[in-house]
N, C-alpha and C. Protein backbone atom coordinates (compact mmCIF):
# COMPACT_ATOMS: atom_id res chain seq x y z
N MET A 1 0.73 -1.18 -0.26
CA MET A 1 -0.16 0.00 0.02
C MET A 1 0.81 1.13 -0.19
N GLY A 2 0.68 2.10 -0.87
CA GLY A 2 1.50 3.40 -1.04
C GLY A 2 1.11 4.51 0.25
N CYS A 3 2.18 5.68 0.23
CA CYS A 3 1.89 6.34 1.24
C CYS A 3 1.10 7.61 0.40
N THR A 4 -0.08 8.63 1.11
CA THR A 4 -0.21 9.80 0.82
C THR A 4 0.89 10.91 1.37
N LEU A 5 1.57 11.71 0.38
CA LEU A 5 2.57 12.54 1.21
C LEU A 5 2.06 13.66 0.61
N THR A 6 2.30 14.90 1.64
CA THR A 6 1.82 16.29 1.42
C THR A 6 2.93 17.01 1.35
N LEU A 7 3.57 17.62 0.16
CA LEU A 7 4.57 17.79 0.02
C LEU A 7 4.25 19.49 -0.17
N THR A 8 5.25 20.35 0.25
CA THR A 8 5.06 22.07 -0.12
C THR A 8 6.05 22.46 -0.71
N GLY A 9 7.44 22.14 -0.37
CA GLY A 9 8.62 22.10 -1.19
C GLY A 9 9.21 23.37 -0.01
N ARG A 10 10.30 23.88 -0.29
CA ARG A 10 10.93 24.88 0.80
C ARG A 10 12.01 25.74 0.00
N GLY A 11 11.83 26.87 0.25
CA GLY A 11 12.88 27.87 0.00
C GLY A 11 13.88 28.27 0.60
N VAL A 12 14.48 29.15 0.13
CA VAL A 12 16.28 29.32 1.03
C VAL A 12 16.07 30.38 1.89
N GLY A 13 16.09 30.08 2.99
CA GLY A 13 15.85 30.86 4.26
C GLY A 13 16.72 32.10 4.44
N CYS A 14 16.80 33.28 5.41
CA CYS A 14 18.00 34.01 5.51
C CYS A 14 19.20 33.69 5.96
N LYS A 15 20.17 34.27 5.99
CA LYS A 15 21.21 33.70 6.55
C LYS A 15 21.51 34.45 8.11
N ASP A 16 20.36 33.99 8.97
CA ASP A 16 20.35 34.55 10.50
C ASP A 16 20.46 33.47 11.13
N ALA A 17 20.90 32.49 11.08
CA ALA A 17 20.63 31.48 12.03
C ALA A 17 22.11 30.98 12.80
N LEU A 18 22.22 30.50 14.07
CA LEU A 18 23.20 30.21 14.43
C LEU A 18 23.36 28.63 15.05
N GLY A 19 24.61 27.92 15.26
CA GLY A 19 24.56 26.65 15.35
C GLY A 19 24.57 26.56 16.67
N GLY A 20 24.30 25.33 17.61
CA GLY A 20 25.01 25.15 18.90
C GLY A 20 22.98 25.42 20.21
N ILE A 21 23.51 24.86 20.97
CA ILE A 21 22.48 25.08 21.92
C ILE A 21 23.08 25.79 23.43
N LYS A 22 21.96 26.70 23.87
CA LYS A 22 22.47 27.60 25.00
C LYS A 22 21.97 26.36 26.17
N ARG A 23 21.13 25.88 26.21
CA ARG A 23 20.91 25.02 27.61
C ARG A 23 19.94 23.93 27.25
N ILE A 24 19.91 22.90 27.96
CA ILE A 24 18.86 21.80 28.04
C ILE A 24 18.19 21.79 29.51
N TYR A 25 17.13 20.92 29.50
CA TYR A 25 16.09 21.00 30.74
C TYR A 25 15.64 19.58 30.68
N ALA A 26 15.92 19.24 31.91
CA ALA A 26 15.48 17.96 32.03
C ALA A 26 14.38 17.31 33.26
N ALA A 27 13.83 16.27 33.40
CA ALA A 27 12.46 16.23 33.95
C ALA A 27 12.54 14.54 34.10
N GLU A 28 12.00 13.71 35.14
CA GLU A 28 11.47 12.26 35.00
C GLU A 28 10.85 12.23 34.05
N TRP A 29 10.83 11.14 33.18
CA TRP A 29 9.98 10.85 32.15
C TRP A 29 8.68 10.25 32.41
N VAL A 30 7.63 10.43 31.94
CA VAL A 30 6.19 9.84 32.40
C VAL A 30 5.47 9.45 30.87
N ASP A 31 5.42 8.23 30.54
CA ASP A 31 4.65 8.09 29.34
C ASP A 31 3.33 8.76 28.89
N GLY A 32 3.21 9.05 28.00
CA GLY A 32 2.09 9.85 27.63
C GLY A 32 2.24 11.40 27.98
N LEU A 33 3.37 11.67 28.05
CA LEU A 33 3.72 12.89 28.46
C LEU A 33 3.45 14.44 27.87
N TRP A 34 3.74 13.98 26.49
CA TRP A 34 3.55 15.13 25.72
C TRP A 34 2.10 14.97 24.93
N ASP A 35 1.50 16.56 24.65
CA ASP A 35 0.52 16.62 23.56
C ASP A 35 1.13 16.15 22.16
N PRO A 36 0.00 15.80 21.41
CA PRO A 36 0.66 15.26 20.09
C PRO A 36 1.34 16.40 19.25
N ILE A 37 2.05 15.94 18.40
CA ILE A 37 2.60 16.88 17.40
C ILE A 37 1.32 17.56 16.25
N VAL A 38 1.55 18.64 16.40
CA VAL A 38 0.68 19.36 15.30
C VAL A 38 1.51 20.55 14.30
N ALA A 39 1.62 20.37 13.32
CA ALA A 39 2.38 21.03 12.11
C ALA A 39 3.76 21.10 12.88
N GLY A 40 4.32 20.10 13.00
CA GLY A 40 5.93 20.17 13.76
C GLY A 40 5.85 20.76 15.15
N GLU A 41 4.77 20.90 16.02
CA GLU A 41 5.11 21.84 17.36
C GLU A 41 4.22 20.94 18.36
N VAL A 42 4.54 20.89 19.62
CA VAL A 42 4.00 20.36 20.81
C VAL A 42 3.64 21.91 21.47
N ALA A 43 2.26 21.97 22.03
CA ALA A 43 1.70 22.71 22.23
C ALA A 43 1.90 22.71 24.08
N ASP A 44 1.96 21.57 24.69
CA ASP A 44 2.12 21.56 25.95
C ASP A 44 2.06 20.39 26.63
N ALA A 45 2.45 20.07 27.51
CA ALA A 45 2.49 18.47 28.44
C ALA A 45 1.31 18.14 28.79
N THR A 46 0.99 16.91 29.00
CA THR A 46 -0.35 16.48 29.08
C THR A 46 -0.23 16.17 30.73
N THR A 47 0.26 16.69 31.80
CA THR A 47 0.58 16.46 32.89
C THR A 47 1.69 17.51 33.39
N ALA A 48 1.23 18.01 34.95
CA ALA A 48 2.42 18.92 35.58
C ALA A 48 3.73 18.36 35.30
N VAL A 49 4.41 19.03 35.22
CA VAL A 49 5.98 18.47 34.63
C VAL A 49 6.70 19.76 35.15
N THR A 50 8.04 19.59 35.95
CA THR A 50 8.87 20.77 36.54
C THR A 50 10.46 20.29 35.91
N PHE A 51 10.53 21.08 34.92
CA PHE A 51 12.07 20.85 34.43
C PHE A 51 13.09 21.59 35.16
N LYS A 52 14.21 20.93 35.29
CA LYS A 52 15.40 21.56 35.83
C LYS A 52 16.51 22.10 34.72
N THR A 53 16.92 23.30 35.12
CA THR A 53 17.68 24.06 33.77
C THR A 53 19.17 23.54 33.99
N TYR A 54 20.13 23.41 32.75
CA TYR A 54 21.24 22.93 32.48
C TYR A 54 21.94 23.86 31.88
N ASP A 55 22.53 25.05 32.33
CA ASP A 55 23.36 26.12 31.72
C ASP A 55 24.65 25.46 31.37
N MET A 56 25.03 26.07 30.02
CA MET A 56 26.14 25.32 29.59
C MET A 56 27.34 26.60 28.90
N THR A 57 28.25 26.52 28.56
CA THR A 57 29.07 27.43 27.88
C THR A 57 28.74 27.60 26.54
N ARG A 58 28.69 28.93 26.02
CA ARG A 58 28.67 28.96 24.59
C ARG A 58 29.72 28.02 23.95
N GLY A 59 28.99 27.16 22.75
CA GLY A 59 30.04 26.30 21.73
C GLY A 59 30.13 25.06 22.20
N SER A 60 29.41 24.49 23.64
CA SER A 60 29.62 23.32 24.18
C SER A 60 28.47 22.44 24.08
N GLY A 61 27.79 22.56 23.08
CA GLY A 61 26.37 21.74 23.30
C GLY A 61 26.26 21.81 21.59
N SER A 62 25.17 20.35 21.54
CA SER A 62 24.79 20.07 20.15
C SER A 62 23.85 19.20 20.13
N LEU A 63 22.71 19.28 18.92
CA LEU A 63 21.33 18.54 18.80
C LEU A 63 21.62 18.02 17.60
N THR A 64 21.54 16.73 17.30
CA THR A 64 21.89 16.14 16.00
C THR A 64 21.16 15.29 15.91
N GLN A 65 20.13 15.32 14.68
CA GLN A 65 19.39 14.26 14.55
C GLN A 65 19.55 13.43 13.33
N THR A 66 19.55 12.03 12.95
CA THR A 66 20.45 11.21 12.07
C THR A 66 19.08 10.60 11.65
N ILE A 67 18.67 10.55 10.14
CA ILE A 67 17.51 9.86 9.87
C ILE A 67 18.19 8.18 9.52
N THR A 68 17.40 7.58 9.91
CA THR A 68 17.96 5.91 9.75
C THR A 68 17.12 5.36 8.98
N ALA A 69 17.31 4.94 7.51
CA ALA A 69 15.99 4.03 6.84
C ALA A 69 16.73 2.60 6.73
N ASP A 70 15.74 1.57 6.66
CA ASP A 70 15.96 0.22 6.31
C ASP A 70 14.97 0.15 4.93
N LEU A 71 15.48 -0.10 3.98
CA LEU A 71 14.24 -0.03 2.77
C LEU A 71 13.89 -1.71 2.90
N ALA A 72 14.81 -2.27 3.16
CA ALA A 72 14.25 -4.06 3.37
C ALA A 72 13.32 -4.13 4.07
N ALA A 73 13.56 -3.55 5.25
CA ALA A 73 12.38 -3.57 6.39
C ALA A 73 11.18 -2.90 6.20
N GLY A 74 11.56 -1.48 5.59
CA GLY A 74 10.26 -0.71 5.61
C GLY A 74 10.55 0.22 6.52
N THR A 75 11.31 0.64 6.97
CA THR A 75 11.27 0.86 8.84
C THR A 75 12.28 2.59 8.47
N VAL A 76 11.69 3.24 8.92
CA VAL A 76 12.56 4.90 9.06
C VAL A 76 12.61 5.29 10.68
N PHE A 77 13.33 5.89 11.39
CA PHE A 77 13.62 6.28 12.51
C PHE A 77 14.49 7.18 12.65
N PHE A 78 14.19 8.05 13.45
CA PHE A 78 15.45 9.62 13.65
C PHE A 78 16.17 9.03 15.11
N ASP A 79 17.65 9.11 15.12
CA ASP A 79 18.07 8.87 16.07
C ASP A 79 18.67 10.49 16.60
N GLN A 80 18.19 10.72 17.89
CA GLN A 80 18.07 12.30 18.04
C GLN A 80 19.58 11.82 19.53
N VAL A 81 20.60 12.76 19.20
CA VAL A 81 21.51 12.65 20.14
C VAL A 81 22.04 14.24 20.64
N CYS A 82 21.51 14.48 21.91
CA CYS A 82 21.99 15.99 22.59
C CYS A 82 23.26 15.59 23.19
N SER A 83 24.45 16.40 22.78
CA SER A 83 25.67 16.15 23.10
C SER A 83 26.38 17.74 24.22
N VAL A 84 26.49 17.15 25.19
CA VAL A 84 26.49 18.48 25.86
C VAL A 84 27.96 18.49 27.03
N THR A 85 28.61 19.76 27.20
CA THR A 85 29.78 19.60 27.99
C THR A 85 29.44 20.57 29.21
N PHE A 86 29.94 20.07 30.35
CA PHE A 86 29.97 21.08 31.46
C PHE A 86 31.02 21.25 32.02
N ASN A 87 31.42 22.65 32.41
CA ASN A 87 32.96 22.83 32.84
C ASN A 87 32.84 22.96 34.43
N LYS A 88 34.26 22.94 34.92
CA LYS A 88 34.59 23.01 36.45
C LYS A 88 33.82 21.93 37.20
N ALA A 89 33.99 20.51 36.95
CA ALA A 89 33.43 19.56 38.15
C ALA A 89 33.41 20.06 39.39
N ALA A 90 32.47 19.81 40.20
CA ALA A 90 31.79 20.14 41.65
C ALA A 90 31.96 18.97 42.21
N VAL A 91 31.59 19.29 43.53
CA VAL A 91 31.13 18.02 44.40
C VAL A 91 29.73 17.34 44.06
N GLY A 92 28.90 18.53 43.77
CA GLY A 92 27.49 18.21 43.61
C GLY A 92 27.37 17.23 42.14
N ASP A 93 28.14 17.59 41.26
CA ASP A 93 27.87 17.03 39.84
C ASP A 93 27.94 15.43 40.19
N ILE A 94 28.98 14.64 41.18
CA ILE A 94 28.58 13.51 41.02
C ILE A 94 27.26 12.72 41.33
N ALA A 95 26.54 13.25 42.43
CA ALA A 95 25.23 13.04 42.89
C ALA A 95 24.40 12.99 41.35
N GLU A 96 24.94 14.62 40.75
CA GLU A 96 23.59 14.87 39.68
C GLU A 96 23.88 13.93 38.45
N ILE A 97 25.21 13.56 37.76
CA ILE A 97 25.19 12.85 37.02
C ILE A 97 24.74 11.44 37.20
N SER A 98 24.90 10.97 38.46
CA SER A 98 24.40 9.61 38.99
C SER A 98 22.76 9.73 38.41
N ASN A 99 22.19 10.52 39.27
CA ASN A 99 20.64 10.70 39.04
C ASN A 99 20.17 10.63 37.39
N LEU A 100 21.24 11.45 36.71
CA LEU A 100 20.76 11.68 35.11
C LEU A 100 20.79 10.35 34.31
N VAL A 101 21.59 9.49 34.79
CA VAL A 101 22.16 8.45 33.98
C VAL A 101 21.36 7.07 34.34
N LYS A 102 20.44 6.98 35.84
CA LYS A 102 19.66 6.16 36.14
C LYS A 102 18.45 5.61 35.30
N GLY A 103 17.96 6.57 34.50
CA GLY A 103 16.54 6.52 34.22
C GLY A 103 16.10 7.16 32.79
N ARG A 104 14.66 7.24 32.45
CA ARG A 104 14.65 7.81 31.25
C ARG A 104 14.02 9.38 31.80
N LEU A 105 14.35 10.09 30.78
CA LEU A 105 14.10 11.22 31.22
C LEU A 105 13.05 12.19 29.71
N ALA A 106 12.85 13.30 30.11
CA ALA A 106 12.25 14.25 29.32
C ALA A 106 12.91 15.45 29.25
N VAL A 107 13.54 15.78 28.03
CA VAL A 107 14.66 16.36 27.80
C VAL A 107 13.77 17.57 26.71
N LEU A 108 14.21 18.80 27.06
CA LEU A 108 13.85 20.07 26.46
C LEU A 108 15.08 20.74 25.84
N VAL A 109 15.45 20.96 24.77
CA VAL A 109 16.61 21.31 24.20
C VAL A 109 16.30 22.87 23.70
N GLN A 110 17.15 23.86 23.98
CA GLN A 110 16.83 25.36 23.79
C GLN A 110 17.97 25.94 23.00
N ASP A 111 18.06 25.91 21.48
CA ASP A 111 19.00 26.40 20.68
C ASP A 111 19.47 28.02 20.93
N ASN A 112 20.70 28.23 20.20
CA ASN A 112 21.31 29.35 20.35
C ASN A 112 20.16 30.47 19.20
N ASN A 113 19.30 30.03 18.64
CA ASN A 113 18.16 30.67 17.77
C ASN A 113 16.74 31.22 18.60
N ASP A 114 16.67 30.45 19.86
CA ASP A 114 15.72 30.50 20.95
C ASP A 114 14.78 29.49 20.30
N ASN A 115 14.78 28.53 19.99
CA ASN A 115 13.96 27.50 19.09
C ASN A 115 14.37 26.22 20.47
N TRP A 116 12.67 25.81 20.84
CA TRP A 116 12.90 24.64 21.91
C TRP A 116 12.62 23.45 21.22
N PHE A 117 13.27 22.58 21.52
CA PHE A 117 12.84 21.06 20.57
C PHE A 117 12.61 20.29 21.92
N VAL A 118 11.73 19.43 21.54
CA VAL A 118 11.01 18.40 22.54
C VAL A 118 11.65 16.92 22.00
N VAL A 119 12.94 16.84 22.58
CA VAL A 119 13.52 15.17 22.16
C VAL A 119 12.80 14.33 22.89
N GLY A 120 12.87 13.31 22.46
CA GLY A 120 12.28 11.88 22.95
C GLY A 120 10.78 12.04 23.10
N HIS A 121 10.28 12.71 22.02
CA HIS A 121 8.78 13.10 22.57
C HIS A 121 7.74 12.01 23.01
N LYS A 122 8.02 10.66 21.98
CA LYS A 122 7.27 9.63 22.29
C LYS A 122 7.71 8.77 23.49
N ASN A 123 8.87 8.59 23.38
CA ASN A 123 9.65 7.15 23.79
C ASN A 123 10.54 7.71 25.25
N GLY A 124 10.76 9.27 25.10
CA GLY A 124 11.96 9.75 26.39
C GLY A 124 13.36 9.45 25.96
N VAL A 125 14.10 10.10 26.67
CA VAL A 125 15.45 9.92 26.28
C VAL A 125 16.39 9.45 27.71
N GLU A 126 17.20 8.92 27.37
CA GLU A 126 18.73 8.22 28.06
C GLU A 126 19.78 8.92 27.91
N VAL A 127 20.50 8.76 29.16
CA VAL A 127 21.93 9.23 29.13
C VAL A 127 22.78 7.93 28.56
N SER A 128 23.41 8.06 27.32
CA SER A 128 24.06 7.02 26.47
C SER A 128 25.42 6.78 26.48
N GLY A 129 25.90 8.07 27.25
CA GLY A 129 27.29 8.01 27.17
C GLY A 129 27.88 8.84 28.00
N GLY A 130 29.25 9.68 27.95
CA GLY A 130 29.89 10.48 28.75
C GLY A 130 31.09 10.11 29.51
N THR A 131 31.88 11.44 29.64
CA THR A 131 32.97 11.46 30.35
C THR A 131 33.24 12.46 31.40
N ALA A 132 34.29 12.08 32.27
CA ALA A 132 34.16 12.93 33.40
C ALA A 132 35.79 13.05 33.40
N GLN A 133 35.98 14.31 33.36
CA GLN A 133 37.81 14.45 33.25
C GLN A 133 38.22 15.29 33.79
N THR A 134 39.76 15.43 34.20
CA THR A 134 40.17 16.57 34.68
C THR A 134 41.45 17.03 33.79
N GLY A 135 41.67 16.36 32.77
CA GLY A 135 42.52 16.59 31.43
C GLY A 135 44.02 16.48 32.08
N GLN A 136 44.62 16.83 31.21
CA GLN A 136 46.51 16.43 31.63
C GLN A 136 47.17 18.13 31.47
N ALA A 137 46.91 18.83 30.81
CA ALA A 137 47.79 20.43 30.59
C ALA A 137 46.58 20.95 31.28
N ALA A 138 47.28 22.30 31.50
CA ALA A 138 46.73 23.47 32.25
C ALA A 138 45.50 23.90 31.58
N GLY A 139 45.01 23.84 30.19
CA GLY A 139 44.02 24.42 29.61
C GLY A 139 42.98 23.28 29.01
N ASP A 140 43.46 22.00 29.51
CA ASP A 140 42.73 20.84 29.22
C ASP A 140 41.03 21.06 29.97
N GLN A 141 40.06 20.33 29.59
CA GLN A 141 38.75 20.14 29.99
C GLN A 141 38.83 20.02 31.31
N ASN A 142 38.24 20.48 32.62
CA ASN A 142 37.78 20.12 33.94
C ASN A 142 36.45 20.09 33.91
N GLY A 143 35.70 18.98 33.83
CA GLY A 143 34.30 18.90 34.00
C GLY A 143 33.87 17.62 33.31
N PHE A 144 32.61 17.58 32.69
CA PHE A 144 32.02 16.42 32.05
C PHE A 144 31.30 16.55 30.65
N THR A 145 30.97 15.39 29.79
CA THR A 145 30.39 15.57 28.98
C THR A 145 29.26 14.36 29.34
N LEU A 146 27.93 14.56 28.67
CA LEU A 146 26.97 13.77 28.61
C LEU A 146 26.53 13.71 27.23
N GLU A 147 25.80 12.43 26.64
CA GLU A 147 25.12 12.08 25.59
C GLU A 147 23.76 11.81 26.03
N PHE A 148 22.66 12.41 25.32
CA PHE A 148 21.45 12.19 25.62
C PHE A 148 20.92 11.76 24.34
N SER A 149 20.51 10.57 24.42
CA SER A 149 19.84 9.78 23.11
C SER A 149 18.48 9.29 23.28
N ALA A 150 17.77 9.44 21.74
CA ALA A 150 16.43 9.03 21.93
C ALA A 150 16.08 8.41 20.32
N GLN A 151 15.16 7.60 20.18
CA GLN A 151 14.97 7.05 18.92
C GLN A 151 13.28 7.33 18.82
N GLU A 152 13.10 8.08 17.82
CA GLU A 152 11.65 8.54 17.40
C GLU A 152 11.11 8.13 15.83
N ALA A 153 10.07 7.98 15.48
CA ALA A 153 9.34 8.24 14.51
C ALA A 153 9.37 9.51 13.73
N SER A 154 9.55 10.57 14.31
CA SER A 154 9.78 11.61 13.55
C SER A 154 10.67 12.61 13.85
N PRO A 155 11.38 13.51 13.65
CA PRO A 155 12.22 14.47 14.46
C PRO A 155 11.71 15.13 15.65
N ALA A 156 12.54 15.82 16.41
CA ALA A 156 12.09 16.44 17.51
C ALA A 156 11.18 17.40 17.40
N PRO A 157 10.00 17.57 17.65
CA PRO A 157 9.10 18.80 17.22
C PRO A 157 9.86 20.26 18.24
N PHE A 158 9.02 21.13 17.67
CA PHE A 158 9.49 22.42 18.31
C PHE A 158 8.60 22.52 19.66
N LEU A 159 8.96 23.02 20.68
CA LEU A 159 7.83 23.35 21.38
C LEU A 159 7.37 24.63 21.68
N ALA A 160 6.05 24.90 21.68
CA ALA A 160 5.11 26.46 21.39
C ALA A 160 6.03 27.34 23.04
N VAL A 161 6.70 28.32 22.47
CA VAL A 161 6.84 29.25 23.42
C VAL A 161 6.65 30.72 23.25
N THR A 162 6.58 31.39 24.16
CA THR A 162 6.27 33.03 23.86
C THR A 162 7.43 33.58 24.69
N ASP A 163 8.03 34.23 24.02
CA ASP A 163 9.13 35.01 24.98
C ASP A 163 10.11 34.32 25.69
N ASN A 164 10.40 33.25 25.02
CA ASN A 164 11.40 32.00 25.49
C ASN A 164 11.04 31.57 26.60
N ASP A 165 9.65 31.62 27.04
CA ASP A 165 9.05 30.68 27.98
C ASP A 165 7.86 29.88 27.22
N PRO A 166 7.64 28.53 28.01
CA PRO A 166 7.01 27.55 27.36
C PRO A 166 5.51 28.27 27.52
N ASP A 167 4.54 27.89 26.25
CA ASP A 167 3.26 28.46 26.47
C ASP A 167 2.50 27.61 27.11
N GLY A 168 2.69 26.41 27.57
CA GLY A 168 1.67 25.53 28.15
C GLY A 168 1.60 25.52 29.72
N ALA A 169 0.60 25.62 30.00
CA ALA A 169 0.29 25.70 31.62
C ALA A 169 0.81 24.82 32.28
N GLU A 170 1.03 23.35 31.74
CA GLU A 170 1.45 22.19 32.51
C GLU A 170 3.22 21.99 32.77
N ILE A 171 3.83 23.09 32.09
CA ILE A 171 5.43 23.04 31.86
C ILE A 171 5.90 24.07 33.06
N THR A 172 6.61 23.44 33.91
CA THR A 172 7.42 24.42 34.83
C THR A 172 8.51 24.35 34.71
N ILE A 173 9.57 25.48 34.81
CA ILE A 173 10.99 25.48 34.30
C ILE A 173 11.59 26.01 35.53
N THR A 174 12.56 25.08 36.21
CA THR A 174 13.49 25.73 37.60
C THR A 174 14.53 26.29 36.99
N ALA A 175 15.20 27.19 37.37
CA ALA A 175 16.49 27.97 37.02
C ALA A 175 17.53 27.07 37.67
N ALA A 176 18.66 26.92 36.94
CA ALA A 176 19.90 26.52 37.65
C ALA A 176 20.30 27.10 38.85
N PRO A 177 20.96 26.19 39.46
CA PRO A 177 21.15 26.62 41.02
C PRO A 177 22.68 27.99 40.80
């Protein structure tokens, strides 16, 4: 059975976008957490959820979505990987990292253009790797890196925001300490 496609095309946009991400927000995952995707955007969560803020320095985070298709199996999915670096290791980081890697998470990514993405919309996100290091030379990194990974049937949708705050009444953002 064939698929029905609705194609609209896409023009060339202005050269006014920046790469990279500003921060991520994480919360405990709950199945069915998000509203459905409508025209590439999610309006709100389906239940009250509080996200913790993780700030990072400029140029130390990325969101990459890789399309993986298997023609023989008739499947396609999007590998969503958010890579982040946090500088200057502190005592509290050990407990924080331990908690982040234990289970499934809900993750929002705010990029340098103030777009917000819902990573792992249907299946949640898990930490799939990372490092903690002090480096060798004086200029080497002192801190840690984490990779948050999800696999979804569609790319990470945008989150509806106004003035850099989520529009949804069910979403609360807690500032970084």
